[in-house]
Amino acid sequence: MILRVVVRQLYQGIAHHHVVVLIRAH
């Protein structure tokens, strides 16, 4: 069920990180 994707939700152009999703919330 764990995803490994690059998320840029909400923060494109603001933060200089990749976010690797481990587990969804809801």
PDB file of all heavy atoms in Angstrom:
ATOM      1  N   MET A   1       0.810  -1.201   0.000  1.00  0.00           N
ATOM      2  CA  MET A   1       0.000   0.000   0.000  1.00  0.00           C
ATOM      3  C   MET A   1       0.852   1.264   0.000  1.00  0.00           C
ATOM      4  O   MET A   1       0.347   2.361  -0.211  1.00  0.00           O
ATOM      5  CB  MET A   1      -0.908   0.013   1.244  1.00  0.00           C
ATOM      6  CG  MET A   1      -1.869  -1.159   1.329  1.00  0.00           C
ATOM      7  SD  MET A   1      -3.048  -1.176  -0.023  1.00  0.00           S
ATOM      8  CE  MET A   1      -4.059   0.222   0.432  1.00  0.00           C
ATOM      9  N   ILE A   2       2.153   1.136   0.269  1.00  0.00           N
ATOM     10  CA  ILE A   2       3.010   2.310   0.350  1.00  0.00           C
ATOM     11  C   ILE A   2       3.351   2.801  -1.046  1.00  0.00           C
ATOM     12  O   ILE A   2       3.647   2.021  -1.929  1.00  0.00           O
ATOM     13  CB  ILE A   2       4.288   1.989   1.133  1.00  0.00           C
ATOM     14  CG1 ILE A   2       3.920   1.637   2.567  1.00  0.00           C
ATOM     15  CG2 ILE A   2       5.259   3.156   1.131  1.00  0.00           C
ATOM     16  CD1 ILE A   2       5.063   1.151   3.379  1.00  0.00           C
ATOM     17  N   LEU A   3       3.339   4.096  -1.242  1.00  0.00           N
ATOM     18  CA  LEU A   3       3.657   4.702  -2.519  1.00  0.00           C
ATOM     19  C   LEU A   3       5.057   5.290  -2.461  1.00  0.00           C
ATOM     20  O   LEU A   3       5.489   5.790  -1.430  1.00  0.00           O
ATOM     21  CB  LEU A   3       2.660   5.832  -2.836  1.00  0.00           C
ATOM     22  CG  LEU A   3       1.193   5.481  -2.763  1.00  0.00           C
ATOM     23  CD1 LEU A   3       0.366   6.724  -3.040  1.00  0.00           C
ATOM     24  CD2 LEU A   3       0.857   4.391  -3.762  1.00  0.00           C
ATOM     25  N   ARG A   4       5.725   5.239  -3.592  1.00  0.00           N
ATOM     26  CA  ARG A   4       6.987   5.956  -3.679  1.00  0.00           C
ATOM     27  C   ARG A   4       6.899   6.886  -4.889  1.00  0.00           C
ATOM     28  O   ARG A   4       7.133   6.491  -6.008  1.00  0.00           O
ATOM     29  CB  ARG A   4       8.162   4.989  -3.831  1.00  0.00           C
ATOM     30  CG  ARG A   4       9.510   5.675  -3.583  1.00  0.00           C
ATOM     31  CD  ARG A   4      10.657   4.704  -3.802  1.00  0.00           C
ATOM     32  NE  ARG A   4      11.890   5.198  -3.248  1.00  0.00           N
ATOM     33  CZ  ARG A   4      12.650   6.129  -3.794  1.00  0.00           C
ATOM     34  NH1 ARG A   4      12.288   6.676  -4.926  1.00  0.00           N
ATOM     35  NH2 ARG A   4      13.761   6.524  -3.208  1.00  0.00           N
ATOM     36  N   VAL A   5       6.513   8.106  -4.627  1.00  0.00           N
ATOM     37  CA  VAL A   5       6.341   9.080  -5.697  1.00  0.00           C
ATOM     38  C   VAL A   5       6.914  10.410  -5.234  1.00  0.00           C
ATOM     39  O   VAL A   5       7.073  10.658  -4.043  1.00  0.00           O
ATOM     40  CB  VAL A   5       4.854   9.260  -6.081  1.00  0.00           C
ATOM     41  CG1 VAL A   5       4.272   7.995  -6.644  1.00  0.00           C
ATOM     42  CG2 VAL A   5       4.054   9.745  -4.875  1.00  0.00           C
ATOM     43  N   VAL A   6       7.227  11.245  -6.166  1.00  0.00           N
ATOM     44  CA  VAL A   6       7.688  12.594  -5.827  1.00  0.00           C
ATOM     45  C   VAL A   6       6.480  13.515  -5.749  1.00  0.00           C
ATOM     46  O   VAL A   6       5.698  13.618  -6.687  1.00  0.00           O
ATOM     47  CB  VAL A   6       8.687  13.113  -6.872  1.00  0.00           C
ATOM     48  CG1 VAL A   6       9.061  14.573  -6.590  1.00  0.00           C
ATOM     49  CG2 VAL A   6       9.930  12.237  -6.877  1.00  0.00           C
ATOM     50  N   VAL A   7       6.315  14.159  -4.615  1.00  0.00           N
ATOM     51  CA  VAL A   7       5.179  15.040  -4.380  1.00  0.00           C
ATOM     52  C   VAL A   7       5.668  16.483  -4.371  1.00  0.00           C
ATOM     53  O   VAL A   7       6.624  16.809  -3.692  1.00  0.00           O
ATOM     54  CB  VAL A   7       4.507  14.723  -3.033  1.00  0.00           C
ATOM     55  CG1 VAL A   7       3.401  15.728  -2.727  1.00  0.00           C
ATOM     56  CG2 VAL A   7       3.939  13.326  -3.045  1.00  0.00           C
ATOM     57  N   ARG A   8       4.999  17.319  -5.135  1.00  0.00           N
ATOM     58  CA  ARG A   8       5.303  18.744  -5.087  1.00  0.00           C
ATOM     59  C   ARG A   8       4.054  19.536  -4.685  1.00  0.00           C
ATOM     60  O   ARG A   8       3.954  20.726  -4.936  1.00  0.00           O
ATOM     61  CB  ARG A   8       5.825  19.236  -6.432  1.00  0.00           C
ATOM     62  CG  ARG A   8       7.140  18.597  -6.822  1.00  0.00           C
ATOM     63  CD  ARG A   8       7.672  19.195  -8.107  1.00  0.00           C
ATOM     64  NE  ARG A   8       8.922  18.571  -8.488  1.00  0.00           N
ATOM     65  CZ  ARG A   8      10.112  18.935  -8.025  1.00  0.00           C
ATOM     66  NH1 ARG A   8      10.187  19.901  -7.151  1.00  0.00           N
ATOM     67  NH2 ARG A   8      11.206  18.312  -8.419  1.00  0.00           N
ATOM     68  N   GLN A   9       3.139  18.865  -4.045  1.00  0.00           N
ATOM     69  CA  GLN A   9       1.867  19.471  -3.664  1.00  0.00           C
ATOM     70  C   GLN A   9       2.107  20.712  -2.810  1.00  0.00           C
ATOM     71  O   GLN A   9       2.821  20.657  -1.814  1.00  0.00           O
ATOM     72  CB  GLN A   9       1.032  18.457  -2.880  1.00  0.00           C
ATOM     73  CG  GLN A   9      -0.309  19.004  -2.434  1.00  0.00           C
ATOM     74  CD  GLN A   9      -1.098  17.948  -1.686  1.00  0.00           C
ATOM     75  OE1 GLN A   9      -0.673  16.832  -1.563  1.00  0.00           O
ATOM     76  NE2 GLN A   9      -2.251  18.330  -1.192  1.00  0.00           N
ATOM     77  N   LEU A  10       1.538  21.815  -3.238  1.00  0.00           N
ATOM     78  CA  LEU A  10       1.491  23.070  -2.508  1.00  0.00           C
ATOM     79  C   LEU A  10       2.802  23.833  -2.473  1.00  0.00           C
ATOM     80  O   LEU A  10       2.812  25.010  -2.186  1.00  0.00           O
ATOM     81  CB  LEU A  10       1.037  22.847  -1.048  1.00  0.00           C
ATOM     82  CG  LEU A  10      -0.293  22.155  -0.827  1.00  0.00           C
ATOM     83  CD1 LEU A  10      -0.544  21.986   0.648  1.00  0.00           C
ATOM     84  CD2 LEU A  10      -1.420  22.933  -1.457  1.00  0.00           C
ATOM     85  N   TYR A  11       3.940  23.172  -2.749  1.00  0.00           N
ATOM     86  CA  TYR A  11       5.216  23.801  -2.433  1.00  0.00           C
ATOM     87  C   TYR A  11       6.109  24.011  -3.651  1.00  0.00           C
ATOM     88  O   TYR A  11       7.284  24.294  -3.505  1.00  0.00           O
ATOM     89  CB  TYR A  11       5.958  22.975  -1.384  1.00  0.00           C
ATOM     90  CG  TYR A  11       5.236  22.989  -0.070  1.00  0.00           C
ATOM     91  CD1 TYR A  11       4.521  21.889   0.365  1.00  0.00           C
ATOM     92  CD2 TYR A  11       5.233  24.130   0.726  1.00  0.00           C
ATOM     93  CE1 TYR A  11       3.833  21.912   1.566  1.00  0.00           C
ATOM     94  CE2 TYR A  11       4.557  24.171   1.912  1.00  0.00           C
ATOM     95  CZ  TYR A  11       3.854  23.063   2.334  1.00  0.00           C
ATOM     96  OH  TYR A  11       3.174  23.102   3.513  1.00  0.00           O
ATOM     97  N   GLN A  12       5.586  23.882  -4.830  1.00  0.00           N
ATOM     98  CA  GLN A  12       6.403  24.072  -6.020  1.00  0.00           C
ATOM     99  C   GLN A  12       6.933  25.503  -6.054  1.00  0.00           C
ATOM    100  O   GLN A  12       6.201  26.465  -5.907  1.00  0.00           O
ATOM    101  CB  GLN A  12       5.596  23.791  -7.284  1.00  0.00           C
ATOM    102  CG  GLN A  12       6.446  23.823  -8.545  1.00  0.00           C
ATOM    103  CD  GLN A  12       5.687  23.321  -9.756  1.00  0.00           C
ATOM    104  OE1 GLN A  12       4.503  23.046  -9.655  1.00  0.00           O
ATOM    105  NE2 GLN A  12       6.367  23.180 -10.864  1.00  0.00           N
ATOM    106  N   GLY A  13       8.243  25.642  -6.221  1.00  0.00           N
ATOM    107  CA  GLY A  13       8.872  26.947  -6.271  1.00  0.00           C
ATOM    108  C   GLY A  13       9.156  27.560  -4.923  1.00  0.00           C
ATOM    109  O   GLY A  13       9.710  28.648  -4.828  1.00  0.00           O
ATOM    110  N   ILE A  14       8.791  26.852  -3.832  1.00  0.00           N
ATOM    111  CA  ILE A  14       9.001  27.388  -2.486  1.00  0.00           C
ATOM    112  C   ILE A  14      10.087  26.599  -1.762  1.00  0.00           C
ATOM    113  O   ILE A  14      11.035  27.170  -1.230  1.00  0.00           O
ATOM    114  CB  ILE A  14       7.696  27.359  -1.663  1.00  0.00           C
ATOM    115  CG1 ILE A  14       6.644  28.234  -2.342  1.00  0.00           C
ATOM    116  CG2 ILE A  14       7.950  27.812  -0.234  1.00  0.00           C
ATOM    117  CD1 ILE A  14       5.297  28.179  -1.666  1.00  0.00           C
ATOM    118  N   ALA A  15       9.931  25.278  -1.730  1.00  0.00           N
ATOM    119  CA  ALA A  15      10.859  24.439  -0.975  1.00  0.00           C
ATOM    120  C   ALA A  15      11.669  23.584  -1.947  1.00  0.00           C
ATOM    121  O   ALA A  15      11.162  23.139  -2.971  1.00  0.00           O
ATOM    122  CB  ALA A  15      10.098  23.552  -0.005  1.00  0.00           C
ATOM    123  N   HIS A  16      12.907  23.352  -1.605  1.00  0.00           N
ATOM    124  CA  HIS A  16      13.816  22.633  -2.498  1.00  0.00           C
ATOM    125  C   HIS A  16      14.044  21.212  -1.980  1.00  0.00           C
ATOM    126  O   HIS A  16      15.141  20.840  -1.588  1.00  0.00           O
ATOM    127  CB  HIS A  16      15.133  23.397  -2.620  1.00  0.00           C
ATOM    128  CG  HIS A  16      14.944  24.793  -3.109  1.00  0.00           C
ATOM    129  ND1 HIS A  16      14.556  25.084  -4.400  1.00  0.00           N
ATOM    130  CD2 HIS A  16      15.044  25.983  -2.470  1.00  0.00           C
ATOM    131  CE1 HIS A  16      14.460  26.399  -4.547  1.00  0.00           C
ATOM    132  NE2 HIS A  16      14.744  26.956  -3.394  1.00  0.00           N
ATOM    133  N   HIS A  17      12.991  20.433  -1.970  1.00  0.00           N
ATOM    134  CA  HIS A  17      13.076  19.062  -1.492  1.00  0.00           C
ATOM    135  C   HIS A  17      12.217  18.161  -2.368  1.00  0.00           C
ATOM    136  O   HIS A  17      11.236  18.595  -2.950  1.00  0.00           O
ATOM    137  CB  HIS A  17      12.584  18.934  -0.043  1.00  0.00           C
ATOM    138  CG  HIS A  17      13.294  19.818   0.928  1.00  0.00           C
ATOM    139  ND1 HIS A  17      12.785  21.027   1.314  1.00  0.00           N
ATOM    140  CD2 HIS A  17      14.464  19.653   1.591  1.00  0.00           C
ATOM    141  CE1 HIS A  17      13.611  21.588   2.178  1.00  0.00           C
ATOM    142  NE2 HIS A  17      14.629  20.782   2.361  1.00  0.00           N
ATOM    143  N   HIS A  18      12.587  16.926  -2.423  1.00  0.00           N
ATOM    144  CA  HIS A  18      11.678  15.882  -2.874  1.00  0.00           C
ATOM    145  C   HIS A  18      10.983  15.321  -1.649  1.00  0.00           C
ATOM    146  O   HIS A  18      11.564  15.219  -0.571  1.00  0.00           O
ATOM    147  CB  HIS A  18      12.433  14.744  -3.572  1.00  0.00           C
ATOM    148  CG  HIS A  18      13.017  15.132  -4.892  1.00  0.00           C
ATOM    149  ND1 HIS A  18      12.276  15.682  -5.899  1.00  0.00           N
ATOM    150  CD2 HIS A  18      14.281  15.015  -5.352  1.00  0.00           C
ATOM    151  CE1 HIS A  18      13.057  15.914  -6.942  1.00  0.00           C
ATOM    152  NE2 HIS A  18      14.280  15.522  -6.642  1.00  0.00           N
ATOM    153  N   VAL A  19       9.723  14.938  -1.797  1.00  0.00           N
ATOM    154  CA  VAL A  19       8.974  14.332  -0.704  1.00  0.00           C
ATOM    155  C   VAL A  19       8.573  12.935  -1.143  1.00  0.00           C
ATOM    156  O   VAL A  19       7.825  12.765  -2.099  1.00  0.00           O
ATOM    157  CB  VAL A  19       7.725  15.167  -0.359  1.00  0.00           C
ATOM    158  CG1 VAL A  19       6.955  14.512   0.772  1.00  0.00           C
ATOM    159  CG2 VAL A  19       8.125  16.582   0.035  1.00  0.00           C
ATOM    160  N   VAL A  20       9.093  11.927  -0.476  1.00  0.00           N
ATOM    161  CA  VAL A  20       8.793  10.544  -0.811  1.00  0.00           C
ATOM    162  C   VAL A  20       7.694  10.048   0.114  1.00  0.00           C
ATOM    163  O   VAL A  20       7.881   9.935   1.324  1.00  0.00           O
ATOM    164  CB  VAL A  20      10.052   9.656  -0.673  1.00  0.00           C
ATOM    165  CG1 VAL A  20       9.721   8.212  -1.037  1.00  0.00           C
ATOM    166  CG2 VAL A  20      11.168  10.182  -1.567  1.00  0.00           C
ATOM    167  N   VAL A  21       6.515   9.777  -0.446  1.00  0.00           N
ATOM    168  CA  VAL A  21       5.360   9.406   0.372  1.00  0.00           C
ATOM    169  C   VAL A  21       5.535   7.999   0.933  1.00  0.00           C
ATOM    170  O   VAL A  21       5.793   7.056   0.197  1.00  0.00           O
ATOM    171  CB  VAL A  21       4.061   9.483  -0.456  1.00  0.00           C
ATOM    172  CG1 VAL A  21       2.873   9.003   0.361  1.00  0.00           C
ATOM    173  CG2 VAL A  21       3.831  10.910  -0.930  1.00  0.00           C
ATOM    174  N   LEU A  22       5.378   7.870   2.237  1.00  0.00           N
ATOM    175  CA  LEU A  22       5.450   6.569   2.882  1.00  0.00           C
ATOM    176  C   LEU A  22       4.075   5.996   3.170  1.00  0.00           C
ATOM    177  O   LEU A  22       3.827   4.819   2.973  1.00  0.00           O
ATOM    178  CB  LEU A  22       6.233   6.670   4.203  1.00  0.00           C
ATOM    179  CG  LEU A  22       7.660   7.204   4.112  1.00  0.00           C
ATOM    180  CD1 LEU A  22       8.311   7.118   5.483  1.00  0.00           C
ATOM    181  CD2 LEU A  22       8.468   6.447   3.086  1.00  0.00           C
ATOM    182  N   ILE A  23       3.171   6.834   3.651  1.00  0.00           N
ATOM    183  CA  ILE A  23       1.864   6.318   4.059  1.00  0.00           C
ATOM    184  C   ILE A  23       0.842   7.441   4.009  1.00  0.00           C
ATOM    185  O   ILE A  23       1.098   8.556   4.445  1.00  0.00           O
ATOM    186  CB  ILE A  23       1.940   5.680   5.468  1.00  0.00           C
ATOM    187  CG1 ILE A  23       0.616   5.033   5.859  1.00  0.00           C
ATOM    188  CG2 ILE A  23       2.409   6.658   6.512  1.00  0.00           C
ATOM    189  CD1 ILE A  23       0.738   4.141   7.079  1.00  0.00           C
ATOM    190  N   ARG A  24      -0.304   7.150   3.413  1.00  0.00           N
ATOM    191  CA  ARG A  24      -1.354   8.147   3.288  1.00  0.00           C
ATOM    192  C   ARG A  24      -2.129   8.292   4.584  1.00  0.00           C
ATOM    193  O   ARG A  24      -2.177   7.377   5.394  1.00  0.00           O
ATOM    194  CB  ARG A  24      -2.298   7.774   2.150  1.00  0.00           C
ATOM    195  CG  ARG A  24      -1.661   7.831   0.771  1.00  0.00           C
ATOM    196  CD  ARG A  24      -2.682   7.486  -0.276  1.00  0.00           C
ATOM    197  NE  ARG A  24      -2.118   7.533  -1.614  1.00  0.00           N
ATOM    198  CZ  ARG A  24      -2.806   7.274  -2.707  1.00  0.00           C
ATOM    199  NH1 ARG A  24      -4.076   6.927  -2.624  1.00  0.00           N
ATOM    200  NH2 ARG A  24      -2.230   7.339  -3.896  1.00  0.00           N
ATOM    201  N   ALA A  25      -2.784   9.433   4.731  1.00  0.00           N
ATOM    202  CA  ALA A  25      -3.465   9.712   5.988  1.00  0.00           C
ATOM    203  C   ALA A  25      -4.885   9.175   6.032  1.00  0.00           C
ATOM    204  O   ALA A  25      -5.219   8.319   6.841  1.00  0.00           O
ATOM    205  CB  ALA A  25      -3.471  11.222   6.254  1.00  0.00           C
ATOM    206  N   HIS A  26      -5.751   9.645   5.161  1.00  0.00           N
ATOM    207  CA  HIS A  26      -7.192   9.391   5.333  1.00  0.00           C
ATOM    208  C   HIS A  26      -7.735   8.541   4.199  1.00  0.00           C
ATOM    209  O   HIS A  26      -8.496   8.998   3.363  1.00  0.00           O
ATOM    210  CB  HIS A  26      -7.944  10.708   5.454  1.00  0.00           C
ATOM    211  CG  HIS A  26      -7.567  11.484   6.672  1.00  0.00           C
ATOM    212  ND1 HIS A  26      -7.893  11.068   7.938  1.00  0.00           N
ATOM    213  CD2 HIS A  26      -6.855  12.610   6.824  1.00  0.00           C
ATOM    214  CE1 HIS A  26      -7.418  11.925   8.816  1.00  0.00           C
ATOM    215  NE2 HIS A  26      -6.781  12.869   8.179  1.00  0.00           N
TER     216      HIS A  26
END
